[in-house]
Amino acid sequence: MEKPSFRSLDKILRDNSGGLSRIIHHASLMAALSKSVAELLPPDHRAHLHGVSLQEDQSLTLLTESAAWASRFRYLESTVRQGLKTKTGLAINKIIIKVRPPASNSLSGSV
């Protein structure tokens, strides 16, 4: 019976041909995009931006925790779109704002 071969975590992370490197690359792009969007928002709005994603059709999705913040973000759509175009060269076709309530620390309904 052959011994299983193990690769170091460093080698796995540096392997550019695997799916993990694509995931890491995509995550770093989304982090940079999230930072760029946050910088375009008023300071009091930044803590309420919980994530961004960019689809292939150049639509940008922003995540926030409530309908109230979603409404505030909607007023800033043109600012964000124009700011990203100027700052990064990214032409956004549309902005979608979704509400994702914060995760609860308690397990409701459990015994």
PDB file of N, CA and C in Angstrom:
ATOM      1  N   MET A   1       0.834  -1.174   0.000  1.00  0.00           N
ATOM      2  CA  MET A   1       0.000   0.000   0.000  1.00  0.00           C
ATOM      3  C   MET A   1       0.884   1.243   0.000  1.00  0.00           C
ATOM      4  N   GLU A   2       0.545   2.216  -0.865  1.00  0.00           N
ATOM      5  CA  GLU A   2       1.316   3.450  -0.974  1.00  0.00           C
ATOM      6  C   GLU A   2       0.986   4.407   0.148  1.00  0.00           C
ATOM      7  N   LYS A   3       2.011   5.119   0.569  1.00  0.00           N
ATOM      8  CA  LYS A   3       1.804   6.160   1.566  1.00  0.00           C
ATOM      9  C   LYS A   3       1.110   7.347   0.904  1.00  0.00           C
ATOM     10  N   PRO A   4       0.142   7.950   1.568  1.00  0.00           N
ATOM     11  CA  PRO A   4      -0.465   9.135   0.973  1.00  0.00           C
ATOM     12  C   PRO A   4       0.544  10.281   0.953  1.00  0.00           C
ATOM     13  N   SER A   5       0.513  11.041  -0.126  1.00  0.00           N
ATOM     14  CA  SER A   5       1.423  12.186  -0.189  1.00  0.00           C
ATOM     15  C   SER A   5       0.680  13.434   0.273  1.00  0.00           C
ATOM     16  N   PHE A   6       1.376  14.250   1.012  1.00  0.00           N
ATOM     17  CA  PHE A   6       0.791  15.477   1.539  1.00  0.00           C
ATOM     18  C   PHE A   6       1.562  16.660   0.991  1.00  0.00           C
ATOM     19  N   ARG A   7       0.828  17.714   0.692  1.00  0.00           N
ATOM     20  CA  ARG A   7       1.466  18.956   0.250  1.00  0.00           C
ATOM     21  C   ARG A   7       1.317  19.980   1.365  1.00  0.00           C
ATOM     22  N   SER A   8       2.302  20.812   1.476  1.00  0.00           N
ATOM     23  CA  SER A   8       2.225  21.846   2.501  1.00  0.00           C
ATOM     24  C   SER A   8       1.147  22.855   2.117  1.00  0.00           C
ATOM     25  N   LEU A   9       0.596  23.501   3.115  1.00  0.00           N
ATOM     26  CA  LEU A   9      -0.423  24.512   2.881  1.00  0.00           C
ATOM     27  C   LEU A   9       0.135  25.632   2.015  1.00  0.00           C
ATOM     28  N   ASP A  10       1.384  25.984   2.227  1.00  0.00           N
ATOM     29  CA  ASP A  10       2.021  27.029   1.429  1.00  0.00           C
ATOM     30  C   ASP A  10       2.013  26.666  -0.052  1.00  0.00           C
ATOM     31  N   LYS A  11       2.331  25.410  -0.375  1.00  0.00           N
ATOM     32  CA  LYS A  11       2.337  24.976  -1.776  1.00  0.00           C
ATOM     33  C   LYS A  11       0.923  24.981  -2.364  1.00  0.00           C
ATOM     34  N   ILE A  12      -0.036  24.591  -1.567  1.00  0.00           N
ATOM     35  CA  ILE A  12      -1.423  24.591  -2.037  1.00  0.00           C
ATOM     36  C   ILE A  12      -1.868  26.014  -2.354  1.00  0.00           C
ATOM     37  N   LEU A  13      -1.548  26.957  -1.472  1.00  0.00           N
ATOM     38  CA  LEU A  13      -1.960  28.346  -1.672  1.00  0.00           C
ATOM     39  C   LEU A  13      -1.234  29.005  -2.841  1.00  0.00           C
ATOM     40  N   ARG A  14      -0.025  28.561  -3.129  1.00  0.00           N
ATOM     41  CA  ARG A  14       0.752  29.150  -4.226  1.00  0.00           C
ATOM     42  C   ARG A  14       0.474  28.485  -5.573  1.00  0.00           C
ATOM     43  N   ASP A  15      -0.246  27.392  -5.582  1.00  0.00           N
ATOM     44  CA  ASP A  15      -0.555  26.670  -6.815  1.00  0.00           C
ATOM     45  C   ASP A  15      -1.574  27.478  -7.622  1.00  0.00           C
ATOM     46  N   ASN A  16      -1.136  28.062  -8.731  1.00  0.00           N
ATOM     47  CA  ASN A  16      -1.998  28.912  -9.556  1.00  0.00           C
ATOM     48  C   ASN A  16      -2.948  28.136 -10.451  1.00  0.00           C
ATOM     49  N   SER A  17      -2.774  26.834 -10.553  1.00  0.00           N
ATOM     50  CA  SER A  17      -3.621  26.064 -11.457  1.00  0.00           C
ATOM     51  C   SER A  17      -4.894  25.548 -10.784  1.00  0.00           C
ATOM     52  N   GLY A  18      -4.956  25.598  -9.460  1.00  0.00           N
ATOM     53  CA  GLY A  18      -6.083  25.015  -8.745  1.00  0.00           C
ATOM     54  C   GLY A  18      -7.234  25.977  -8.528  1.00  0.00           C
ATOM     55  N   GLY A  19      -8.343  25.412  -8.113  1.00  0.00           N
ATOM     56  CA  GLY A  19      -9.536  26.193  -7.839  1.00  0.00           C
ATOM     57  C   GLY A  19      -9.378  27.097  -6.641  1.00  0.00           C
ATOM     58  N   LEU A  20      -8.538  26.677  -5.695  1.00  0.00           N
ATOM     59  CA  LEU A  20      -8.345  27.486  -4.498  1.00  0.00           C
ATOM     60  C   LEU A  20      -7.734  28.838  -4.838  1.00  0.00           C
ATOM     61  N   SER A  21      -6.787  28.859  -5.765  1.00  0.00           N
ATOM     62  CA  SER A  21      -6.167  30.138  -6.128  1.00  0.00           C
ATOM     63  C   SER A  21      -7.176  31.051  -6.813  1.00  0.00           C
ATOM     64  N   ARG A  22      -8.095  30.488  -7.588  1.00  0.00           N
ATOM     65  CA  ARG A  22      -9.149  31.315  -8.216  1.00  0.00           C
ATOM     66  C   ARG A  22     -10.080  31.885  -7.159  1.00  0.00           C
ATOM     67  N   ILE A  23     -10.401  31.091  -6.148  1.00  0.00           N
ATOM     68  CA  ILE A  23     -11.264  31.565  -5.060  1.00  0.00           C
ATOM     69  C   ILE A  23     -10.570  32.687  -4.292  1.00  0.00           C
ATOM     70  N   ILE A  24      -9.296  32.501  -3.997  1.00  0.00           N
ATOM     71  CA  ILE A  24      -8.538  33.524  -3.270  1.00  0.00           C
ATOM     72  C   ILE A  24      -8.447  34.799  -4.104  1.00  0.00           C
ATOM     73  N   HIS A  25      -8.197  34.663  -5.390  1.00  0.00           N
ATOM     74  CA  HIS A  25      -8.116  35.825  -6.283  1.00  0.00           C
ATOM     75  C   HIS A  25      -9.457  36.556  -6.333  1.00  0.00           C
ATOM     76  N   HIS A  26     -10.539  35.811  -6.475  1.00  0.00           N
ATOM     77  CA  HIS A  26     -11.874  36.417  -6.525  1.00  0.00           C
ATOM     78  C   HIS A  26     -12.188  37.125  -5.201  1.00  0.00           C
ATOM     79  N   ALA A  27     -11.854  36.500  -4.090  1.00  0.00           N
ATOM     80  CA  ALA A  27     -12.097  37.106  -2.779  1.00  0.00           C
ATOM     81  C   ALA A  27     -11.316  38.406  -2.622  1.00  0.00           C
ATOM     82  N   SER A  28     -10.076  38.436  -3.107  1.00  0.00           N
ATOM     83  CA  SER A  28      -9.290  39.670  -2.989  1.00  0.00           C
ATOM     84  C   SER A  28      -9.856  40.758  -3.894  1.00  0.00           C
ATOM     85  N   LEU A  29     -10.377  40.394  -5.070  1.00  0.00           N
ATOM     86  CA  LEU A  29     -11.018  41.380  -5.943  1.00  0.00           C
ATOM     87  C   LEU A  29     -12.275  41.950  -5.295  1.00  0.00           C
ATOM     88  N   MET A  30     -13.084  41.087  -4.664  1.00  0.00           N
ATOM     89  CA  MET A  30     -14.310  41.556  -4.012  1.00  0.00           C
ATOM     90  C   MET A  30     -13.981  42.426  -2.797  1.00  0.00           C
ATOM     91  N   ALA A  31     -12.902  42.095  -2.082  1.00  0.00           N
ATOM     92  CA  ALA A  31     -12.488  42.925  -0.946  1.00  0.00           C
ATOM     93  C   ALA A  31     -12.057  44.305  -1.434  1.00  0.00           C
ATOM     94  N   ALA A  32     -11.317  44.352  -2.531  1.00  0.00           N
ATOM     95  CA  ALA A  32     -10.890  45.644  -3.086  1.00  0.00           C
ATOM     96  C   ALA A  32     -12.094  46.442  -3.589  1.00  0.00           C
ATOM     97  N   LEU A  33     -13.037  45.769  -4.215  1.00  0.00           N
ATOM     98  CA  LEU A  33     -14.245  46.444  -4.695  1.00  0.00           C
ATOM     99  C   LEU A  33     -15.063  46.963  -3.529  1.00  0.00           C
ATOM    100  N   SER A  34     -15.191  46.160  -2.487  1.00  0.00           N
ATOM    101  CA  SER A  34     -15.926  46.578  -1.290  1.00  0.00           C
ATOM    102  C   SER A  34     -15.286  47.813  -0.669  1.00  0.00           C
ATOM    103  N   LYS A  35     -13.969  47.832  -0.610  1.00  0.00           N
ATOM    104  CA  LYS A  35     -13.246  48.990  -0.067  1.00  0.00           C
ATOM    105  C   LYS A  35     -13.488  50.217  -0.938  1.00  0.00           C
ATOM    106  N   SER A  36     -13.443  50.048  -2.250  1.00  0.00           N
ATOM    107  CA  SER A  36     -13.674  51.169  -3.167  1.00  0.00           C
ATOM    108  C   SER A  36     -15.073  51.736  -3.007  1.00  0.00           C
ATOM    109  N   VAL A  37     -16.066  50.852  -2.896  1.00  0.00           N
ATOM    110  CA  VAL A  37     -17.444  51.304  -2.706  1.00  0.00           C
ATOM    111  C   VAL A  37     -17.579  52.028  -1.377  1.00  0.00           C
ATOM    112  N   ALA A  38     -17.016  51.459  -0.312  1.00  0.00           N
ATOM    113  CA  ALA A  38     -17.117  52.071   1.014  1.00  0.00           C
ATOM    114  C   ALA A  38     -16.516  53.474   1.026  1.00  0.00           C
ATOM    115  N   GLU A  39     -15.423  53.660   0.312  1.00  0.00           N
ATOM    116  CA  GLU A  39     -14.778  54.970   0.264  1.00  0.00           C
ATOM    117  C   GLU A  39     -15.642  56.015  -0.439  1.00  0.00           C
ATOM    118  N   LEU A  40     -16.573  55.563  -1.272  1.00  0.00           N
ATOM    119  CA  LEU A  40     -17.460  56.484  -1.983  1.00  0.00           C
ATOM    120  C   LEU A  40     -18.689  56.861  -1.152  1.00  0.00           C
ATOM    121  N   LEU A  41     -18.923  56.129  -0.072  1.00  0.00           N
ATOM    122  CA  LEU A  41     -20.092  56.371   0.775  1.00  0.00           C
ATOM    123  C   LEU A  41     -19.781  57.409   1.845  1.00  0.00           C
ATOM    124  N   PRO A  42     -20.811  58.102   2.326  1.00  0.00           N
ATOM    125  CA  PRO A  42     -20.594  58.981   3.479  1.00  0.00           C
ATOM    126  C   PRO A  42     -20.114  58.143   4.671  1.00  0.00           C
ATOM    127  N   PRO A  43     -19.287  58.723   5.539  1.00  0.00           N
ATOM    128  CA  PRO A  43     -18.721  57.958   6.661  1.00  0.00           C
ATOM    129  C   PRO A  43     -19.755  57.212   7.506  1.00  0.00           C
ATOM    130  N   ASP A  44     -20.922  57.810   7.738  1.00  0.00           N
ATOM    131  CA  ASP A  44     -21.915  57.132   8.579  1.00  0.00           C
ATOM    132  C   ASP A  44     -22.583  55.952   7.883  1.00  0.00           C
ATOM    133  N   HIS A  45     -22.419  55.817   6.575  1.00  0.00           N
ATOM    134  CA  HIS A  45     -22.999  54.700   5.818  1.00  0.00           C
ATOM    135  C   HIS A  45     -22.067  53.486   5.762  1.00  0.00           C
ATOM    136  N   ARG A  46     -20.783  53.704   5.912  1.00  0.00           N
ATOM    137  CA  ARG A  46     -19.780  52.658   5.662  1.00  0.00           C
ATOM    138  C   ARG A  46     -19.955  51.425   6.532  1.00  0.00           C
ATOM    139  N   ALA A  47     -20.303  51.601   7.785  1.00  0.00           N
ATOM    140  CA  ALA A  47     -20.460  50.460   8.692  1.00  0.00           C
ATOM    141  C   ALA A  47     -21.669  49.613   8.334  1.00  0.00           C
ATOM    142  N   HIS A  48     -22.535  50.120   7.473  1.00  0.00           N
ATOM    143  CA  HIS A  48     -23.757  49.410   7.109  1.00  0.00           C
ATOM    144  C   HIS A  48     -23.658  48.710   5.749  1.00  0.00           C
ATOM    145  N   LEU A  49     -22.498  48.787   5.127  1.00  0.00           N
ATOM    146  CA  LEU A  49     -22.225  48.040   3.910  1.00  0.00           C
ATOM    147  C   LEU A  49     -21.597  46.722   4.333  1.00  0.00           C
ATOM    148  N   HIS A  50     -22.313  45.612   4.108  1.00  0.00           N
ATOM    149  CA  HIS A  50     -21.853  44.311   4.611  1.00  0.00           C
ATOM    150  C   HIS A  50     -21.317  43.382   3.537  1.00  0.00           C
ATOM    151  N   GLY A  51     -21.276  43.845   2.322  1.00  0.00           N
ATOM    152  CA  GLY A  51     -20.713  43.022   1.264  1.00  0.00           C
ATOM    153  C   GLY A  51     -21.095  43.551  -0.094  1.00  0.00           C
ATOM    154  N   VAL A  52     -20.307  43.165  -1.073  1.00  0.00           N
ATOM    155  CA  VAL A  52     -20.589  43.520  -2.457  1.00  0.00           C
ATOM    156  C   VAL A  52     -20.338  42.294  -3.323  1.00  0.00           C
ATOM    157  N   SER A  53     -20.990  42.268  -4.464  1.00  0.00           N
ATOM    158  CA  SER A  53     -20.670  41.257  -5.463  1.00  0.00           C
ATOM    159  C   SER A  53     -20.891  41.875  -6.836  1.00  0.00           C
ATOM    160  N   LEU A  54     -20.144  41.395  -7.789  1.00  0.00           N
ATOM    161  CA  LEU A  54     -20.218  41.900  -9.150  1.00  0.00           C
ATOM    162  C   LEU A  54     -20.531  40.734 -10.074  1.00  0.00           C
ATOM    163  N   GLN A  55     -21.625  40.850 -10.811  1.00  0.00           N
ATOM    164  CA  GLN A  55     -22.016  39.802 -11.738  1.00  0.00           C
ATOM    165  C   GLN A  55     -21.385  40.053 -13.107  1.00  0.00           C
ATOM    166  N   GLU A  56     -21.423  39.042 -13.951  1.00  0.00           N
ATOM    167  CA  GLU A  56     -20.835  39.138 -15.286  1.00  0.00           C
ATOM    168  C   GLU A  56     -21.480  40.224 -16.136  1.00  0.00           C
ATOM    169  N   ASP A  57     -22.751  40.535 -15.878  1.00  0.00           N
ATOM    170  CA  ASP A  57     -23.433  41.578 -16.650  1.00  0.00           C
ATOM    171  C   ASP A  57     -23.134  42.976 -16.120  1.00  0.00           C
ATOM    172  N   GLN A  58     -22.105  43.082 -15.268  1.00  0.00           N
ATOM    173  CA  GLN A  58     -21.672  44.347 -14.684  1.00  0.00           C
ATOM    174  C   GLN A  58     -22.719  44.965 -13.762  1.00  0.00           C
ATOM    175  N   SER A  59     -23.537  44.124 -13.130  1.00  0.00           N
ATOM    176  CA  SER A  59     -24.437  44.636 -12.102  1.00  0.00           C
ATOM    177  C   SER A  59     -23.770  44.416 -10.750  1.00  0.00           C
ATOM    178  N   LEU A  60     -23.853  45.437  -9.924  1.00  0.00           N
ATOM    179  CA  LEU A  60     -23.213  45.439  -8.624  1.00  0.00           C
ATOM    180  C   LEU A  60     -24.280  45.263  -7.560  1.00  0.00           C
ATOM    181  N   THR A  61     -24.076  44.313  -6.661  1.00  0.00           N
ATOM    182  CA  THR A  61     -25.000  44.091  -5.553  1.00  0.00           C
ATOM    183  C   THR A  61     -24.348  44.567  -4.268  1.00  0.00           C
ATOM    184  N   LEU A  62     -25.099  45.371  -3.522  1.00  0.00           N
ATOM    185  CA  LEU A  62     -24.653  45.846  -2.216  1.00  0.00           C
ATOM    186  C   LEU A  62     -25.527  45.205  -1.155  1.00  0.00           C
ATOM    187  N   LEU A  63     -24.930  44.744  -0.072  1.00  0.00           N
ATOM    188  CA  LEU A  63     -25.670  44.128   1.031  1.00  0.00           C
ATOM    189  C   LEU A  63     -25.661  45.051   2.238  1.00  0.00           C
ATOM    190  N   THR A  64     -26.833  45.217   2.843  1.00  0.00           N
ATOM    191  CA  THR A  64     -26.968  46.001   4.061  1.00  0.00           C
ATOM    192  C   THR A  64     -27.958  45.305   4.983  1.00  0.00           C
ATOM    193  N   GLU A  65     -28.079  45.802   6.232  1.00  0.00           N
ATOM    194  CA  GLU A  65     -28.848  45.036   7.219  1.00  0.00           C
ATOM    195  C   GLU A  65     -30.312  45.402   7.354  1.00  0.00           C
ATOM    196  N   SER A  66     -30.761  46.488   6.742  1.00  0.00           N
ATOM    197  CA  SER A  66     -32.165  46.855   6.931  1.00  0.00           C
ATOM    198  C   SER A  66     -32.711  47.588   5.714  1.00  0.00           C
ATOM    199  N   ALA A  67     -34.030  47.629   5.642  1.00  0.00           N
ATOM    200  CA  ALA A  67     -34.685  48.346   4.556  1.00  0.00           C
ATOM    201  C   ALA A  67     -34.388  49.834   4.636  1.00  0.00           C
ATOM    202  N   ALA A  68     -34.246  50.353   5.848  1.00  0.00           N
ATOM    203  CA  ALA A  68     -33.936  51.774   6.011  1.00  0.00           C
ATOM    204  C   ALA A  68     -32.583  52.109   5.389  1.00  0.00           C
ATOM    205  N   TRP A  69     -31.573  51.275   5.643  1.00  0.00           N
ATOM    206  CA  TRP A  69     -30.261  51.524   5.050  1.00  0.00           C
ATOM    207  C   TRP A  69     -30.275  51.256   3.550  1.00  0.00           C
ATOM    208  N   ALA A  70     -31.051  50.302   3.110  1.00  0.00           N
ATOM    209  CA  ALA A  70     -31.168  50.044   1.673  1.00  0.00           C
ATOM    210  C   ALA A  70     -31.701  51.286   0.962  1.00  0.00           C
ATOM    211  N   SER A  71     -32.683  51.949   1.557  1.00  0.00           N
ATOM    212  CA  SER A  71     -33.230  53.177   0.970  1.00  0.00           C
ATOM    213  C   SER A  71     -32.176  54.272   0.900  1.00  0.00           C
ATOM    214  N   ARG A  72     -31.394  54.399   1.952  1.00  0.00           N
ATOM    215  CA  ARG A  72     -30.328  55.414   1.941  1.00  0.00           C
ATOM    216  C   ARG A  72     -29.297  55.117   0.860  1.00  0.00           C
ATOM    217  N   PHE A  73     -28.966  53.836   0.706  1.00  0.00           N
ATOM    218  CA  PHE A  73     -28.003  53.460  -0.334  1.00  0.00           C
ATOM    219  C   PHE A  73     -28.558  53.736  -1.729  1.00  0.00           C
ATOM    220  N   ARG A  74     -29.869  53.568  -1.909  1.00  0.00           N
ATOM    221  CA  ARG A  74     -30.465  53.814  -3.227  1.00  0.00           C
ATOM    222  C   ARG A  74     -30.276  55.263  -3.672  1.00  0.00           C
ATOM    223  N   TYR A  75     -30.312  56.178  -2.721  1.00  0.00           N
ATOM    224  CA  TYR A  75     -30.096  57.582  -3.052  1.00  0.00           C
ATOM    225  C   TYR A  75     -28.660  57.845  -3.531  1.00  0.00           C
ATOM    226  N   LEU A  76     -27.753  56.939  -3.234  1.00  0.00           N
ATOM    227  CA  LEU A  76     -26.346  57.118  -3.590  1.00  0.00           C
ATOM    228  C   LEU A  76     -25.925  56.312  -4.816  1.00  0.00           C
ATOM    229  N   GLU A  77     -26.867  55.659  -5.492  1.00  0.00           N
ATOM    230  CA  GLU A  77     -26.520  54.794  -6.623  1.00  0.00           C
ATOM    231  C   GLU A  77     -25.704  55.529  -7.686  1.00  0.00           C
ATOM    232  N   SER A  78     -26.136  56.698  -8.095  1.00  0.00           N
ATOM    233  CA  SER A  78     -25.403  57.404  -9.159  1.00  0.00           C
ATOM    234  C   SER A  78     -24.016  57.837  -8.676  1.00  0.00           C
ATOM    235  N   THR A  79     -23.903  58.210  -7.407  1.00  0.00           N
ATOM    236  CA  THR A  79     -22.604  58.579  -6.837  1.00  0.00           C
ATOM    237  C   THR A  79     -21.652  57.395  -6.870  1.00  0.00           C
ATOM    238  N   VAL A  80     -22.158  56.233  -6.469  1.00  0.00           N
ATOM    239  CA  VAL A  80     -21.328  55.023  -6.462  1.00  0.00           C
ATOM    240  C   VAL A  80     -20.953  54.633  -7.884  1.00  0.00           C
ATOM    241  N   ARG A  81     -21.913  54.647  -8.782  1.00  0.00           N
ATOM    242  CA  ARG A  81     -21.654  54.272 -10.178  1.00  0.00           C
ATOM    243  C   ARG A  81     -20.608  55.203 -10.805  1.00  0.00           C
ATOM    244  N   GLN A  82     -20.794  56.500 -10.660  1.00  0.00           N
ATOM    245  CA  GLN A  82     -19.848  57.457 -11.241  1.00  0.00           C
ATOM    246  C   GLN A  82     -18.483  57.389 -10.558  1.00  0.00           C
ATOM    247  N   GLY A  83     -18.487  57.217  -9.241  1.00  0.00           N
ATOM    248  CA  GLY A  83     -17.235  57.121  -8.503  1.00  0.00           C
ATOM    249  C   GLY A  83     -16.413  55.908  -8.898  1.00  0.00           C
ATOM    250  N   LEU A  84     -17.068  54.762  -9.088  1.00  0.00           N
ATOM    251  CA  LEU A  84     -16.348  53.557  -9.510  1.00  0.00           C
ATOM    252  C   LEU A  84     -15.795  53.717 -10.920  1.00  0.00           C
ATOM    253  N   LYS A  85     -16.546  54.379 -11.776  1.00  0.00           N
ATOM    254  CA  LYS A  85     -16.086  54.612 -13.150  1.00  0.00           C
ATOM    255  C   LYS A  85     -14.832  55.483 -13.130  1.00  0.00           C
ATOM    256  N   THR A  86     -14.858  56.533 -12.328  1.00  0.00           N
ATOM    257  CA  THR A  86     -13.717  57.444 -12.242  1.00  0.00           C
ATOM    258  C   THR A  86     -12.522  56.794 -11.549  1.00  0.00           C
ATOM    259  N   LYS A  87     -12.790  56.130 -10.433  1.00  0.00           N
ATOM    260  CA  LYS A  87     -11.725  55.587  -9.585  1.00  0.00           C
ATOM    261  C   LYS A  87     -11.098  54.315 -10.150  1.00  0.00           C
ATOM    262  N   THR A  88     -11.930  53.423 -10.700  1.00  0.00           N
ATOM    263  CA  THR A  88     -11.423  52.110 -11.116  1.00  0.00           C
ATOM    264  C   THR A  88     -11.592  51.826 -12.602  1.00  0.00           C
ATOM    265  N   GLY A  89     -12.379  52.660 -13.290  1.00  0.00           N
ATOM    266  CA  GLY A  89     -12.663  52.402 -14.700  1.00  0.00           C
ATOM    267  C   GLY A  89     -13.768  51.383 -14.893  1.00  0.00           C
ATOM    268  N   LEU A  90     -14.387  50.958 -13.815  1.00  0.00           N
ATOM    269  CA  LEU A  90     -15.428  49.938 -13.855  1.00  0.00           C
ATOM    270  C   LEU A  90     -16.771  50.572 -14.201  1.00  0.00           C
ATOM    271  N   ALA A  91     -17.349  50.133 -15.300  1.00  0.00           N
ATOM    272  CA  ALA A  91     -18.650  50.654 -15.728  1.00  0.00           C
ATOM    273  C   ALA A  91     -19.748  49.723 -15.213  1.00  0.00           C
ATOM    274  N   ILE A  92     -20.504  50.200 -14.252  1.00  0.00           N
ATOM    275  CA  ILE A  92     -21.572  49.415 -13.636  1.00  0.00           C
ATOM    276  C   ILE A  92     -22.867  49.666 -14.402  1.00  0.00           C
ATOM    277  N   ASN A  93     -23.534  48.593 -14.841  1.00  0.00           N
ATOM    278  CA  ASN A  93     -24.808  48.731 -15.553  1.00  0.00           C
ATOM    279  C   ASN A  93     -25.959  49.050 -14.616  1.00  0.00           C
ATOM    280  N   LYS A  94     -25.992  48.384 -13.482  1.00  0.00           N
ATOM    281  CA  LYS A  94     -27.041  48.654 -12.498  1.00  0.00           C
ATOM    282  C   LYS A  94     -26.550  48.261 -11.121  1.00  0.00           C
ATOM    283  N   ILE A  95     -27.189  48.855 -10.116  1.00  0.00           N
ATOM    284  CA  ILE A  95     -26.863  48.542  -8.735  1.00  0.00           C
ATOM    285  C   ILE A  95     -28.100  47.927  -8.088  1.00  0.00           C
ATOM    286  N   ILE A  96     -27.893  46.784  -7.467  1.00  0.00           N
ATOM    287  CA  ILE A  96     -28.952  46.065  -6.756  1.00  0.00           C
ATOM    288  C   ILE A  96     -28.616  46.150  -5.272  1.00  0.00           C
ATOM    289  N   ILE A  97     -29.581  46.534  -4.477  1.00  0.00           N
ATOM    290  CA  ILE A  97     -29.344  46.629  -3.042  1.00  0.00           C
ATOM    291  C   ILE A  97     -30.210  45.588  -2.351  1.00  0.00           C
ATOM    292  N   LYS A  98     -29.570  44.723  -1.586  1.00  0.00           N
ATOM    293  CA  LYS A  98     -30.276  43.656  -0.892  1.00  0.00           C
ATOM    294  C   LYS A  98     -30.109  43.799   0.607  1.00  0.00           C
ATOM    295  N   VAL A  99     -31.148  43.387   1.312  1.00  0.00           N
ATOM    296  CA  VAL A  99     -31.126  43.411   2.766  1.00  0.00           C
ATOM    297  C   VAL A  99     -30.771  42.016   3.261  1.00  0.00           C
ATOM    298  N   ARG A 100     -29.750  41.970   4.096  1.00  0.00           N
ATOM    299  CA  ARG A 100     -29.350  40.719   4.742  1.00  0.00           C
ATOM    300  C   ARG A 100     -29.232  41.022   6.227  1.00  0.00           C
ATOM    301  N   PRO A 101     -30.248  40.653   7.003  1.00  0.00           N
ATOM    302  CA  PRO A 101     -30.201  40.954   8.437  1.00  0.00           C
ATOM    303  C   PRO A 101     -28.986  40.301   9.079  1.00  0.00           C
ATOM    304  N   PRO A 102     -28.454  40.927  10.112  1.00  0.00           N
ATOM    305  CA  PRO A 102     -27.302  40.327  10.790  1.00  0.00           C
ATOM    306  C   PRO A 102     -27.666  38.985  11.396  1.00  0.00           C
ATOM    307  N   ALA A 103     -26.701  38.095  11.428  1.00  0.00           N
ATOM    308  CA  ALA A 103     -26.925  36.770  12.016  1.00  0.00           C
ATOM    309  C   ALA A 103     -27.137  36.916  13.511  1.00  0.00           C
ATOM    310  N   SER A 104     -28.077  36.167  14.026  1.00  0.00           N
ATOM    311  CA  SER A 104     -28.361  36.193  15.445  1.00  0.00           C
ATOM    312  C   SER A 104     -27.420  35.238  16.164  1.00  0.00           C
ATOM    313  N   ASN A 105     -26.989  35.623  17.346  1.00  0.00           N
ATOM    314  CA  ASN A 105     -26.112  34.761  18.133  1.00  0.00           C
ATOM    315  C   ASN A 105     -26.866  33.675  18.872  1.00  0.00           C
ATOM    316  N   SER A 106     -28.173  33.859  19.027  1.00  0.00           N
ATOM    317  CA  SER A 106     -28.949  32.858  19.753  1.00  0.00           C
ATOM    318  C   SER A 106     -29.676  31.948  18.779  1.00  0.00           C
ATOM    319  N   LEU A 107     -29.965  30.772  19.227  1.00  0.00           N
ATOM    320  CA  LEU A 107     -30.716  29.818  18.425  1.00  0.00           C
ATOM    321  C   LEU A 107     -32.163  29.873  18.862  1.00  0.00           C
ATOM    322  N   SER A 108     -32.969  30.619  18.144  1.00  0.00           N
ATOM    323  CA  SER A 108     -34.370  30.737  18.537  1.00  0.00           C
ATOM    324  C   SER A 108     -35.116  29.462  18.205  1.00  0.00           C
ATOM    325  N   GLY A 109     -35.968  29.090  19.081  1.00  0.00           N
ATOM    326  CA  GLY A 109     -36.779  27.891  18.865  1.00  0.00           C
ATOM    327  C   GLY A 109     -36.088  26.598  19.238  1.00  0.00           C
ATOM    328  N   SER A 110     -34.844  26.657  19.688  1.00  0.00           N
ATOM    329  CA  SER A 110     -34.174  25.419  20.069  1.00  0.00           C
ATOM    330  C   SER A 110     -34.381  25.153  21.556  1.00  0.00           C
ATOM    331  N   VAL A 111     -34.297  23.910  21.906  1.00  0.00           N
ATOM    332  CA  VAL A 111     -34.533  23.508  23.294  1.00  0.00           C
ATOM    333  C   VAL A 111     -33.249  23.436  24.047  1.00  0.00           C
TER     334      VAL A 111
END
